[in-house]
Amino acid sequence: MSEDLLVRHCSPTLAGIKTGNLFSCPCASRTDLTKELSQLNKKLVPKGIRVLPLRVRRGRALIYVYRPHALECDLADQRARVLLLKYGYTPENPYCCVVHLIRRLCAEEEFPHEIGLFLSYPPEDVLGFIQNRACNHKCVGCWKVYGDETAAKHRFEQYDACSKIYSLHWQQGKSIERLTVAG
């Protein structure tokens, strides 16, 4: 797994403006993936970021890049807590929540839609997605919006601008460590 994938798919998290990002990448060997993620974590953990495989299936790995402190803040939201409790999470322990998410991803056929709470999606939009079965949304960007459309569009623009700037800096030779904001 290349650092290029991290920059391409996770710039807002690297920049500290988003709790987490997900992306899928080829995975020919779990052993190699573990080594690559260990090397990445050595670079990023001092900056407040963790990189984990959430699921490895059919030659692909689903990678979660996140800021544990930001996740703790996100999961402390009362609306997020209520939703997480409904699906068997213990919201007061973000680490346990990530472990439970991994279990749900590996055990369930349907994708656990509460995953949006781990990616800085507003709780009202995650709940709206679940209740409306992905229909009747106000707009679509990084996620389907059911709540504050104006705020969501502003976030989408921020994430897009960040990704473009990070991509440019990466192409100009900035290292992943230099691109990652400590937090």
N, C-alpha and C. Protein backbone atom coordinates (compact mmCIF):
# COMPACT_ATOMS: atom_id res chain seq x y z
N MET A 1 0.84 -1.18 0.00
CA MET A 1 0.00 0.00 0.00
C MET A 1 0.89 1.24 0.00
N SER A 2 0.66 2.12 -0.91
CA SER A 2 1.53 3.28 -1.06
C SER A 2 1.04 4.48 -0.25
N GLU A 3 1.99 5.33 0.10
CA GLU A 3 1.64 6.58 0.77
C GLU A 3 0.82 7.46 -0.16
N ASP A 4 1.00 7.27 -1.46
CA ASP A 4 0.21 8.01 -2.44
C ASP A 4 -1.29 7.79 -2.22
N LEU A 5 -1.68 6.55 -1.91
CA LEU A 5 -3.09 6.26 -1.64
C LEU A 5 -3.59 7.03 -0.42
N LEU A 6 -2.73 7.14 0.59
CA LEU A 6 -3.10 7.89 1.79
C LEU A 6 -3.35 9.35 1.45
N VAL A 7 -2.47 9.94 0.68
CA VAL A 7 -2.62 11.35 0.31
C VAL A 7 -3.86 11.52 -0.56
N ARG A 8 -4.06 10.61 -1.50
CA ARG A 8 -5.19 10.72 -2.42
C ARG A 8 -6.54 10.59 -1.72
N HIS A 9 -6.61 9.69 -0.74
CA HIS A 9 -7.91 9.39 -0.12
C HIS A 9 -8.10 9.95 1.29
N CYS A 10 -7.05 10.43 1.91
CA CYS A 10 -7.15 10.79 3.34
C CYS A 10 -6.62 12.17 3.67
N SER A 11 -6.45 13.03 2.69
CA SER A 11 -5.90 14.36 2.94
C SER A 11 -6.62 15.13 4.04
N PRO A 12 -7.96 15.16 4.07
CA PRO A 12 -8.63 15.90 5.14
C PRO A 12 -8.28 15.38 6.55
N THR A 13 -8.07 14.08 6.67
CA THR A 13 -7.67 13.53 7.97
C THR A 13 -6.22 13.91 8.26
N LEU A 14 -5.36 13.81 7.27
CA LEU A 14 -3.96 14.20 7.46
C LEU A 14 -3.86 15.67 7.87
N ALA A 15 -4.74 16.49 7.31
CA ALA A 15 -4.74 17.93 7.58
C ALA A 15 -5.38 18.27 8.93
N GLY A 16 -6.06 17.32 9.53
CA GLY A 16 -6.69 17.57 10.83
C GLY A 16 -8.06 18.20 10.76
N ILE A 17 -8.69 18.17 9.57
CA ILE A 17 -10.03 18.76 9.45
C ILE A 17 -11.13 17.71 9.37
N LYS A 18 -10.75 16.44 9.48
CA LYS A 18 -11.71 15.34 9.42
C LYS A 18 -11.21 14.24 10.35
N THR A 19 -12.12 13.57 11.02
CA THR A 19 -11.75 12.52 11.96
C THR A 19 -11.12 11.33 11.27
N GLY A 20 -11.71 10.88 10.17
CA GLY A 20 -11.20 9.67 9.54
C GLY A 20 -11.63 9.55 8.10
N ASN A 21 -10.91 8.70 7.40
CA ASN A 21 -11.21 8.37 6.01
C ASN A 21 -11.06 6.87 5.83
N LEU A 22 -11.74 6.36 4.84
CA LEU A 22 -11.66 4.95 4.44
C LEU A 22 -11.22 4.87 2.99
N PHE A 23 -10.47 3.84 2.67
CA PHE A 23 -10.22 3.54 1.26
C PHE A 23 -9.91 2.06 1.13
N SER A 24 -10.07 1.57 -0.06
CA SER A 24 -9.80 0.17 -0.37
C SER A 24 -8.54 0.10 -1.22
N CYS A 25 -7.74 -0.93 -0.97
CA CYS A 25 -6.52 -1.10 -1.77
C CYS A 25 -6.27 -2.59 -1.99
N PRO A 26 -5.49 -2.92 -3.01
CA PRO A 26 -5.15 -4.33 -3.24
C PRO A 26 -4.37 -4.89 -2.06
N CYS A 27 -4.60 -6.16 -1.76
CA CYS A 27 -3.88 -6.81 -0.66
C CYS A 27 -3.58 -8.25 -1.06
N ALA A 28 -2.39 -8.47 -1.57
CA ALA A 28 -1.98 -9.81 -1.98
C ALA A 28 -1.55 -10.64 -0.78
N SER A 29 -1.06 -9.97 0.27
CA SER A 29 -0.53 -10.68 1.43
C SER A 29 -0.84 -9.91 2.71
N ARG A 30 -1.46 -10.58 3.66
CA ARG A 30 -1.75 -9.95 4.96
C ARG A 30 -0.45 -9.60 5.67
N THR A 31 0.55 -10.45 5.53
CA THR A 31 1.84 -10.19 6.18
C THR A 31 2.47 -8.92 5.64
N ASP A 32 2.46 -8.76 4.33
CA ASP A 32 3.01 -7.53 3.73
C ASP A 32 2.20 -6.31 4.14
N LEU A 33 0.88 -6.44 4.16
CA LEU A 33 0.02 -5.33 4.57
C LEU A 33 0.34 -4.91 6.00
N THR A 34 0.49 -5.89 6.88
CA THR A 34 0.79 -5.60 8.28
C THR A 34 2.11 -4.85 8.40
N LYS A 35 3.12 -5.26 7.64
CA LYS A 35 4.42 -4.57 7.66
C LYS A 35 4.28 -3.13 7.15
N GLU A 36 3.56 -2.96 6.06
CA GLU A 36 3.38 -1.63 5.47
C GLU A 36 2.62 -0.70 6.43
N LEU A 37 1.58 -1.23 7.06
CA LEU A 37 0.81 -0.41 8.00
C LEU A 37 1.63 -0.09 9.24
N SER A 38 2.45 -1.02 9.67
CA SER A 38 3.32 -0.77 10.82
C SER A 38 4.30 0.37 10.51
N GLN A 39 4.87 0.37 9.31
CA GLN A 39 5.78 1.45 8.90
C GLN A 39 5.05 2.79 8.84
N LEU A 40 3.85 2.78 8.29
CA LEU A 40 3.05 4.01 8.24
C LEU A 40 2.72 4.52 9.63
N ASN A 41 2.32 3.62 10.51
CA ASN A 41 1.98 4.02 11.87
C ASN A 41 3.18 4.59 12.62
N LYS A 42 4.37 4.10 12.34
CA LYS A 42 5.57 4.67 12.97
C LYS A 42 5.74 6.14 12.59
N LYS A 43 5.34 6.47 11.38
CA LYS A 43 5.43 7.86 10.92
C LYS A 43 4.27 8.71 11.42
N LEU A 44 3.07 8.12 11.50
CA LEU A 44 1.86 8.91 11.73
C LEU A 44 1.36 8.93 13.17
N VAL A 45 1.65 7.90 13.96
CA VAL A 45 1.18 7.89 15.34
C VAL A 45 1.72 9.10 16.12
N PRO A 46 2.99 9.49 15.94
CA PRO A 46 3.45 10.69 16.65
C PRO A 46 2.68 11.96 16.27
N LYS A 47 2.00 11.93 15.13
CA LYS A 47 1.19 13.06 14.68
C LYS A 47 -0.27 12.93 15.11
N GLY A 48 -0.60 11.83 15.80
CA GLY A 48 -1.97 11.65 16.29
C GLY A 48 -2.87 10.88 15.35
N ILE A 49 -2.29 10.12 14.43
CA ILE A 49 -3.08 9.37 13.44
C ILE A 49 -2.77 7.89 13.54
N ARG A 50 -3.82 7.07 13.37
CA ARG A 50 -3.67 5.61 13.32
C ARG A 50 -4.15 5.13 11.95
N VAL A 51 -3.52 4.05 11.48
CA VAL A 51 -3.91 3.43 10.21
C VAL A 51 -4.17 1.95 10.51
N LEU A 52 -5.41 1.51 10.24
CA LEU A 52 -5.82 0.14 10.55
C LEU A 52 -6.50 -0.53 9.37
N PRO A 53 -6.30 -1.83 9.24
CA PRO A 53 -7.13 -2.57 8.28
C PRO A 53 -8.44 -2.93 8.97
N LEU A 54 -9.56 -2.53 8.40
CA LEU A 54 -10.85 -2.88 8.99
C LEU A 54 -11.32 -4.25 8.51
N ARG A 55 -10.95 -4.56 7.26
CA ARG A 55 -11.38 -5.83 6.69
C ARG A 55 -10.47 -6.17 5.53
N VAL A 56 -10.13 -7.45 5.40
CA VAL A 56 -9.39 -7.94 4.25
C VAL A 56 -10.23 -9.06 3.65
N ARG A 57 -10.59 -8.88 2.37
CA ARG A 57 -11.48 -9.83 1.73
C ARG A 57 -11.23 -9.82 0.22
N ARG A 58 -11.17 -11.01 -0.35
CA ARG A 58 -11.04 -11.17 -1.81
C ARG A 58 -9.91 -10.33 -2.41
N GLY A 59 -8.76 -10.35 -1.76
CA GLY A 59 -7.60 -9.65 -2.30
C GLY A 59 -7.61 -8.13 -2.14
N ARG A 60 -8.51 -7.62 -1.29
CA ARG A 60 -8.58 -6.17 -1.06
C ARG A 60 -8.64 -5.90 0.44
N ALA A 61 -8.07 -4.79 0.83
CA ALA A 61 -8.11 -4.37 2.23
C ALA A 61 -8.87 -3.05 2.33
N LEU A 62 -9.72 -2.97 3.33
CA LEU A 62 -10.42 -1.72 3.64
C LEU A 62 -9.63 -1.07 4.77
N ILE A 63 -9.04 0.08 4.48
CA ILE A 63 -8.13 0.76 5.40
C ILE A 63 -8.83 1.96 6.04
N TYR A 64 -8.69 2.08 7.35
CA TYR A 64 -9.24 3.19 8.11
C TYR A 64 -8.08 4.03 8.64
N VAL A 65 -8.07 5.29 8.27
CA VAL A 65 -7.07 6.26 8.73
C VAL A 65 -7.83 7.25 9.58
N TYR A 66 -7.42 7.38 10.86
CA TYR A 66 -8.22 8.23 11.75
C TYR A 66 -7.39 8.85 12.86
N ARG A 67 -8.00 9.84 13.48
CA ARG A 67 -7.43 10.53 14.64
C ARG A 67 -8.22 10.09 15.88
N PRO A 68 -7.61 9.25 16.73
CA PRO A 68 -8.34 8.74 17.90
C PRO A 68 -8.93 9.83 18.79
N HIS A 69 -8.22 10.91 19.01
CA HIS A 69 -8.76 11.97 19.87
C HIS A 69 -10.01 12.61 19.25
N ALA A 70 -9.97 12.85 17.94
CA ALA A 70 -11.14 13.41 17.25
C ALA A 70 -12.30 12.42 17.28
N LEU A 71 -12.00 11.13 17.13
CA LEU A 71 -13.05 10.12 17.18
C LEU A 71 -13.72 10.11 18.56
N GLU A 72 -12.93 10.24 19.60
CA GLU A 72 -13.48 10.29 20.94
C GLU A 72 -14.47 11.47 21.08
N CYS A 73 -14.10 12.61 20.54
CA CYS A 73 -14.98 13.78 20.58
C CYS A 73 -16.25 13.54 19.77
N ASP A 74 -16.10 12.97 18.58
CA ASP A 74 -17.27 12.70 17.72
C ASP A 74 -18.24 11.73 18.40
N LEU A 75 -17.70 10.69 19.01
CA LEU A 75 -18.56 9.67 19.61
C LEU A 75 -19.18 10.13 20.93
N ALA A 76 -18.71 11.24 21.47
CA ALA A 76 -19.29 11.79 22.70
C ALA A 76 -20.60 12.53 22.42
N ASP A 77 -20.87 12.85 21.16
CA ASP A 77 -22.11 13.51 20.78
C ASP A 77 -23.29 12.61 21.19
N GLN A 78 -24.27 13.20 21.84
CA GLN A 78 -25.40 12.42 22.36
C GLN A 78 -26.14 11.66 21.26
N ARG A 79 -26.33 12.29 20.10
CA ARG A 79 -27.04 11.60 18.99
C ARG A 79 -26.22 10.43 18.48
N ALA A 80 -24.89 10.59 18.43
CA ALA A 80 -24.01 9.50 18.01
C ALA A 80 -24.07 8.36 19.02
N ARG A 81 -24.03 8.71 20.31
CA ARG A 81 -24.07 7.69 21.38
C ARG A 81 -25.34 6.83 21.29
N VAL A 82 -26.47 7.48 21.08
CA VAL A 82 -27.73 6.75 21.01
C VAL A 82 -27.70 5.76 19.83
N LEU A 83 -27.23 6.22 18.71
CA LEU A 83 -27.16 5.36 17.52
C LEU A 83 -26.18 4.21 17.73
N LEU A 84 -25.02 4.50 18.31
CA LEU A 84 -24.03 3.45 18.55
C LEU A 84 -24.54 2.40 19.54
N LEU A 85 -25.20 2.85 20.59
CA LEU A 85 -25.75 1.90 21.58
C LEU A 85 -26.74 0.94 20.92
N LYS A 86 -27.51 1.45 19.98
CA LYS A 86 -28.49 0.63 19.26
C LYS A 86 -27.83 -0.55 18.54
N TYR A 87 -26.57 -0.35 18.10
CA TYR A 87 -25.86 -1.39 17.36
C TYR A 87 -24.81 -2.12 18.21
N GLY A 88 -24.92 -1.98 19.53
CA GLY A 88 -24.06 -2.76 20.42
C GLY A 88 -22.69 -2.18 20.73
N TYR A 89 -22.46 -0.93 20.41
CA TYR A 89 -21.17 -0.29 20.70
C TYR A 89 -21.15 0.22 22.14
N THR A 90 -19.95 0.45 22.65
CA THR A 90 -19.76 1.12 23.94
C THR A 90 -19.12 2.47 23.64
N PRO A 91 -19.94 3.51 23.41
CA PRO A 91 -19.44 4.80 22.91
C PRO A 91 -18.43 5.50 23.81
N GLU A 92 -18.41 5.16 25.10
CA GLU A 92 -17.44 5.82 25.98
C GLU A 92 -16.02 5.31 25.76
N ASN A 93 -15.86 4.26 24.96
CA ASN A 93 -14.54 3.72 24.68
C ASN A 93 -14.33 3.64 23.16
N PRO A 94 -13.73 4.67 22.56
CA PRO A 94 -13.55 4.70 21.11
C PRO A 94 -12.77 3.50 20.56
N TYR A 95 -11.78 3.04 21.30
CA TYR A 95 -11.02 1.87 20.85
C TYR A 95 -11.94 0.66 20.72
N CYS A 96 -12.76 0.43 21.73
CA CYS A 96 -13.71 -0.69 21.67
C CYS A 96 -14.71 -0.50 20.54
N CYS A 97 -15.06 0.75 20.26
CA CYS A 97 -15.97 1.02 19.14
C CYS A 97 -15.34 0.61 17.81
N VAL A 98 -14.06 0.91 17.63
CA VAL A 98 -13.37 0.53 16.39
C VAL A 98 -13.31 -1.00 16.29
N VAL A 99 -13.02 -1.67 17.40
CA VAL A 99 -12.99 -3.14 17.39
C VAL A 99 -14.36 -3.71 17.04
N HIS A 100 -15.42 -3.13 17.61
CA HIS A 100 -16.79 -3.59 17.31
C HIS A 100 -17.14 -3.33 15.84
N LEU A 101 -16.71 -2.20 15.32
CA LEU A 101 -16.93 -1.90 13.90
C LEU A 101 -16.25 -2.96 13.02
N ILE A 102 -15.03 -3.33 13.36
CA ILE A 102 -14.31 -4.36 12.61
C ILE A 102 -15.11 -5.67 12.65
N ARG A 103 -15.60 -6.03 13.82
CA ARG A 103 -16.40 -7.27 13.94
C ARG A 103 -17.64 -7.20 13.06
N ARG A 104 -18.32 -6.06 13.09
CA ARG A 104 -19.54 -5.91 12.27
C ARG A 104 -19.21 -5.97 10.77
N LEU A 105 -18.12 -5.35 10.38
CA LEU A 105 -17.73 -5.38 8.97
C LEU A 105 -17.43 -6.80 8.50
N CYS A 106 -16.80 -7.57 9.37
CA CYS A 106 -16.41 -8.94 8.99
C CYS A 106 -17.55 -9.94 9.09
N ALA A 107 -18.52 -9.69 9.99
CA ALA A 107 -19.57 -10.66 10.24
C ALA A 107 -20.85 -10.43 9.45
N GLU A 108 -21.11 -9.18 9.10
CA GLU A 108 -22.39 -8.85 8.48
C GLU A 108 -22.27 -8.77 6.96
N GLU A 109 -23.31 -9.18 6.28
CA GLU A 109 -23.34 -9.05 4.83
C GLU A 109 -23.57 -7.59 4.43
N GLU A 110 -24.47 -6.92 5.15
CA GLU A 110 -24.77 -5.52 4.86
C GLU A 110 -23.71 -4.64 5.50
N PHE A 111 -23.31 -3.60 4.79
CA PHE A 111 -22.32 -2.66 5.30
C PHE A 111 -22.92 -1.90 6.48
N PRO A 112 -22.22 -1.82 7.61
CA PRO A 112 -22.78 -1.12 8.77
C PRO A 112 -22.78 0.40 8.55
N HIS A 113 -23.95 0.95 8.33
CA HIS A 113 -24.05 2.36 7.94
C HIS A 113 -23.65 3.34 9.05
N GLU A 114 -23.60 2.87 10.27
CA GLU A 114 -23.13 3.75 11.34
C GLU A 114 -21.66 4.10 11.19
N ILE A 115 -21.00 3.48 10.24
CA ILE A 115 -19.59 3.78 9.97
C ILE A 115 -19.38 5.27 9.69
N GLY A 116 -20.42 5.94 9.21
CA GLY A 116 -20.32 7.38 8.96
C GLY A 116 -19.93 8.16 10.20
N LEU A 117 -20.30 7.66 11.38
CA LEU A 117 -19.94 8.33 12.62
C LEU A 117 -18.42 8.30 12.86
N PHE A 118 -17.75 7.34 12.23
CA PHE A 118 -16.30 7.19 12.37
C PHE A 118 -15.55 8.05 11.33
N LEU A 119 -16.33 8.73 10.47
CA LEU A 119 -15.77 9.47 9.34
C LEU A 119 -16.15 10.95 9.35
N SER A 120 -16.59 11.45 10.49
CA SER A 120 -17.00 12.86 10.65
C SER A 120 -18.32 13.20 9.97
N TYR A 121 -19.13 12.22 9.63
CA TYR A 121 -20.45 12.53 9.09
C TYR A 121 -21.34 12.97 10.25
N PRO A 122 -22.14 13.99 10.06
CA PRO A 122 -23.03 14.42 11.14
C PRO A 122 -23.99 13.30 11.54
N PRO A 123 -24.20 13.12 12.84
CA PRO A 123 -25.10 12.05 13.29
C PRO A 123 -26.49 12.10 12.65
N GLU A 124 -27.03 13.33 12.43
CA GLU A 124 -28.37 13.41 11.83
C GLU A 124 -28.36 12.88 10.39
N ASP A 125 -27.23 12.99 9.71
CA ASP A 125 -27.14 12.46 8.34
C ASP A 125 -26.97 10.94 8.35
N VAL A 126 -26.22 10.43 9.31
CA VAL A 126 -26.07 8.97 9.43
C VAL A 126 -27.43 8.35 9.77
N LEU A 127 -28.12 8.94 10.72
CA LEU A 127 -29.44 8.44 11.11
C LEU A 127 -30.43 8.58 9.95
N GLY A 128 -30.38 9.72 9.25
CA GLY A 128 -31.25 9.93 8.10
C GLY A 128 -31.02 8.90 7.02
N PHE A 129 -29.76 8.56 6.77
CA PHE A 129 -29.43 7.55 5.76
C PHE A 129 -30.03 6.19 6.15
N ILE A 130 -29.88 5.83 7.42
CA ILE A 130 -30.40 4.55 7.89
C ILE A 130 -31.93 4.53 7.84
N GLN A 131 -32.56 5.57 8.35
CA GLN A 131 -34.03 5.60 8.40
C GLN A 131 -34.67 5.71 7.02
N ASN A 132 -34.03 6.42 6.11
CA ASN A 132 -34.59 6.63 4.77
C ASN A 132 -34.08 5.64 3.73
N ARG A 133 -33.29 4.69 4.19
CA ARG A 133 -32.72 3.67 3.29
C ARG A 133 -32.05 4.31 2.08
N ALA A 134 -31.28 5.36 2.37
CA ALA A 134 -30.48 6.09 1.38
C ALA A 134 -31.32 6.91 0.39
N CYS A 135 -32.60 7.08 0.64
CA CYS A 135 -33.47 7.88 -0.23
C CYS A 135 -33.83 9.20 0.46
N ASN A 136 -34.46 10.08 -0.30
CA ASN A 136 -35.01 11.34 0.23
C ASN A 136 -33.98 12.29 0.83
N HIS A 137 -32.77 12.25 0.35
CA HIS A 137 -31.72 13.14 0.86
C HIS A 137 -31.82 14.51 0.20
N LYS A 138 -31.22 15.51 0.84
CA LYS A 138 -31.24 16.88 0.33
C LYS A 138 -30.16 17.11 -0.72
N CYS A 139 -28.99 16.52 -0.51
CA CYS A 139 -27.90 16.62 -1.49
C CYS A 139 -26.90 15.51 -1.20
N VAL A 140 -25.95 15.35 -2.13
CA VAL A 140 -24.93 14.31 -2.00
C VAL A 140 -23.56 14.93 -2.24
N GLY A 141 -22.63 14.56 -1.40
CA GLY A 141 -21.22 14.94 -1.55
C GLY A 141 -20.42 13.75 -1.09
N CYS A 142 -19.65 13.91 -0.03
CA CYS A 142 -18.93 12.78 0.57
C CYS A 142 -19.90 11.80 1.21
N TRP A 143 -21.08 12.28 1.56
CA TRP A 143 -22.14 11.47 2.13
C TRP A 143 -23.48 12.06 1.68
N LYS A 144 -24.55 11.35 1.96
CA LYS A 144 -25.89 11.86 1.67
C LYS A 144 -26.35 12.71 2.84
N VAL A 145 -26.86 13.88 2.52
CA VAL A 145 -27.21 14.87 3.53
C VAL A 145 -28.71 14.86 3.80
N TYR A 146 -29.06 14.75 5.07
CA TYR A 146 -30.46 14.80 5.51
C TYR A 146 -30.70 15.96 6.45
N GLY A 147 -29.62 16.52 6.99
CA GLY A 147 -29.71 17.61 7.95
C GLY A 147 -29.35 18.94 7.32
N ASP A 148 -28.34 19.58 7.84
CA ASP A 148 -27.93 20.93 7.43
C ASP A 148 -27.17 20.90 6.10
N GLU A 149 -27.90 21.18 5.05
CA GLU A 149 -27.36 21.13 3.69
C GLU A 149 -26.26 22.16 3.48
N THR A 150 -26.45 23.37 3.98
CA THR A 150 -25.46 24.44 3.80
C THR A 150 -24.14 24.08 4.47
N ALA A 151 -24.21 23.60 5.71
CA ALA A 151 -22.98 23.22 6.43
C ALA A 151 -22.29 22.05 5.72
N ALA A 152 -23.06 21.10 5.24
CA ALA A 152 -22.49 19.94 4.56
C ALA A 152 -21.78 20.37 3.27
N LYS A 153 -22.41 21.23 2.49
CA LYS A 153 -21.79 21.69 1.25
C LYS A 153 -20.49 22.43 1.54
N HIS A 154 -20.47 23.20 2.61
CA HIS A 154 -19.25 23.91 3.00
C HIS A 154 -18.14 22.91 3.35
N ARG A 155 -18.50 21.87 4.08
CA ARG A 155 -17.51 20.82 4.42
C ARG A 155 -17.01 20.12 3.17
N PHE A 156 -17.92 19.80 2.26
CA PHE A 156 -17.51 19.13 1.02
C PHE A 156 -16.48 19.98 0.27
N GLU A 157 -16.73 21.28 0.22
CA GLU A 157 -15.80 22.19 -0.45
C GLU A 157 -14.45 22.21 0.26
N GLN A 158 -14.47 22.23 1.59
CA GLN A 158 -13.23 22.20 2.37
C GLN A 158 -12.44 20.94 2.08
N TYR A 159 -13.11 19.80 2.11
CA TYR A 159 -12.43 18.53 1.88
C TYR A 159 -11.85 18.47 0.48
N ASP A 160 -12.60 18.95 -0.50
CA ASP A 160 -12.14 18.94 -1.88
C ASP A 160 -10.92 19.84 -2.06
N ALA A 161 -10.97 21.05 -1.51
CA ALA A 161 -9.85 21.98 -1.61
C ALA A 161 -8.62 21.39 -0.92
N CYS A 162 -8.80 20.81 0.24
CA CYS A 162 -7.70 20.19 0.97
C CYS A 162 -7.06 19.08 0.14
N SER A 163 -7.87 18.23 -0.44
CA SER A 163 -7.35 17.12 -1.25
C SER A 163 -6.55 17.63 -2.44
N LYS A 164 -7.02 18.67 -3.09
CA LYS A 164 -6.29 19.24 -4.23
C LYS A 164 -4.96 19.83 -3.79
N ILE A 165 -4.95 20.56 -2.69
CA ILE A 165 -3.71 21.16 -2.19
C ILE A 165 -2.72 20.08 -1.78
N TYR A 166 -3.19 19.08 -1.06
CA TYR A 166 -2.30 18.00 -0.62
C TYR A 166 -1.74 17.23 -1.81
N SER A 167 -2.56 16.98 -2.79
CA SER A 167 -2.10 16.28 -3.98
C SER A 167 -0.98 17.06 -4.67
N LEU A 168 -1.16 18.34 -4.78
CA LEU A 168 -0.15 19.19 -5.39
C LEU A 168 1.15 19.15 -4.60
N HIS A 169 1.06 19.31 -3.28
CA HIS A 169 2.26 19.26 -2.43
C HIS A 169 2.94 17.89 -2.50
N TRP A 170 2.15 16.83 -2.56
CA TRP A 170 2.70 15.48 -2.66
C TRP A 170 3.46 15.32 -3.98
N GLN A 171 2.86 15.80 -5.06
CA GLN A 171 3.52 15.72 -6.36
C GLN A 171 4.81 16.54 -6.40
N GLN A 172 4.87 17.59 -5.57
CA GLN A 172 6.07 18.42 -5.51
C GLN A 172 7.13 17.84 -4.57
N GLY A 173 6.84 16.68 -3.97
CA GLY A 173 7.84 15.99 -3.19
C GLY A 173 7.76 16.10 -1.68
N LYS A 174 6.70 16.71 -1.16
CA LYS A 174 6.57 16.77 0.31
C LYS A 174 6.32 15.37 0.86
N SER A 175 6.94 15.06 1.97
CA SER A 175 6.78 13.75 2.59
C SER A 175 5.44 13.66 3.32
N ILE A 176 5.03 12.43 3.61
CA ILE A 176 3.78 12.20 4.34
C ILE A 176 3.88 12.83 5.73
N GLU A 177 5.07 12.80 6.33
CA GLU A 177 5.25 13.39 7.66
C GLU A 177 5.06 14.90 7.61
N ARG A 178 5.57 15.54 6.57
CA ARG A 178 5.43 16.99 6.44
C ARG A 178 4.01 17.40 6.12
N LEU A 179 3.28 16.54 5.42
CA LEU A 179 1.90 16.84 5.06
C LEU A 179 0.94 16.64 6.23
N THR A 180 1.35 15.85 7.22
CA THR A 180 0.46 15.50 8.32
C THR A 180 0.55 16.51 9.45
N VAL A 181 -0.57 17.09 9.78
CA VAL A 181 -0.67 18.07 10.87
C VAL A 181 -0.72 17.32 12.19
N ALA A 182 0.13 17.71 13.13
CA ALA A 182 0.12 17.09 14.44
C ALA A 182 -1.16 17.47 15.18
N GLY A 183 -1.69 16.52 15.91
CA GLY A 183 -2.91 16.82 16.63
C GLY A 183 -3.17 15.89 17.76
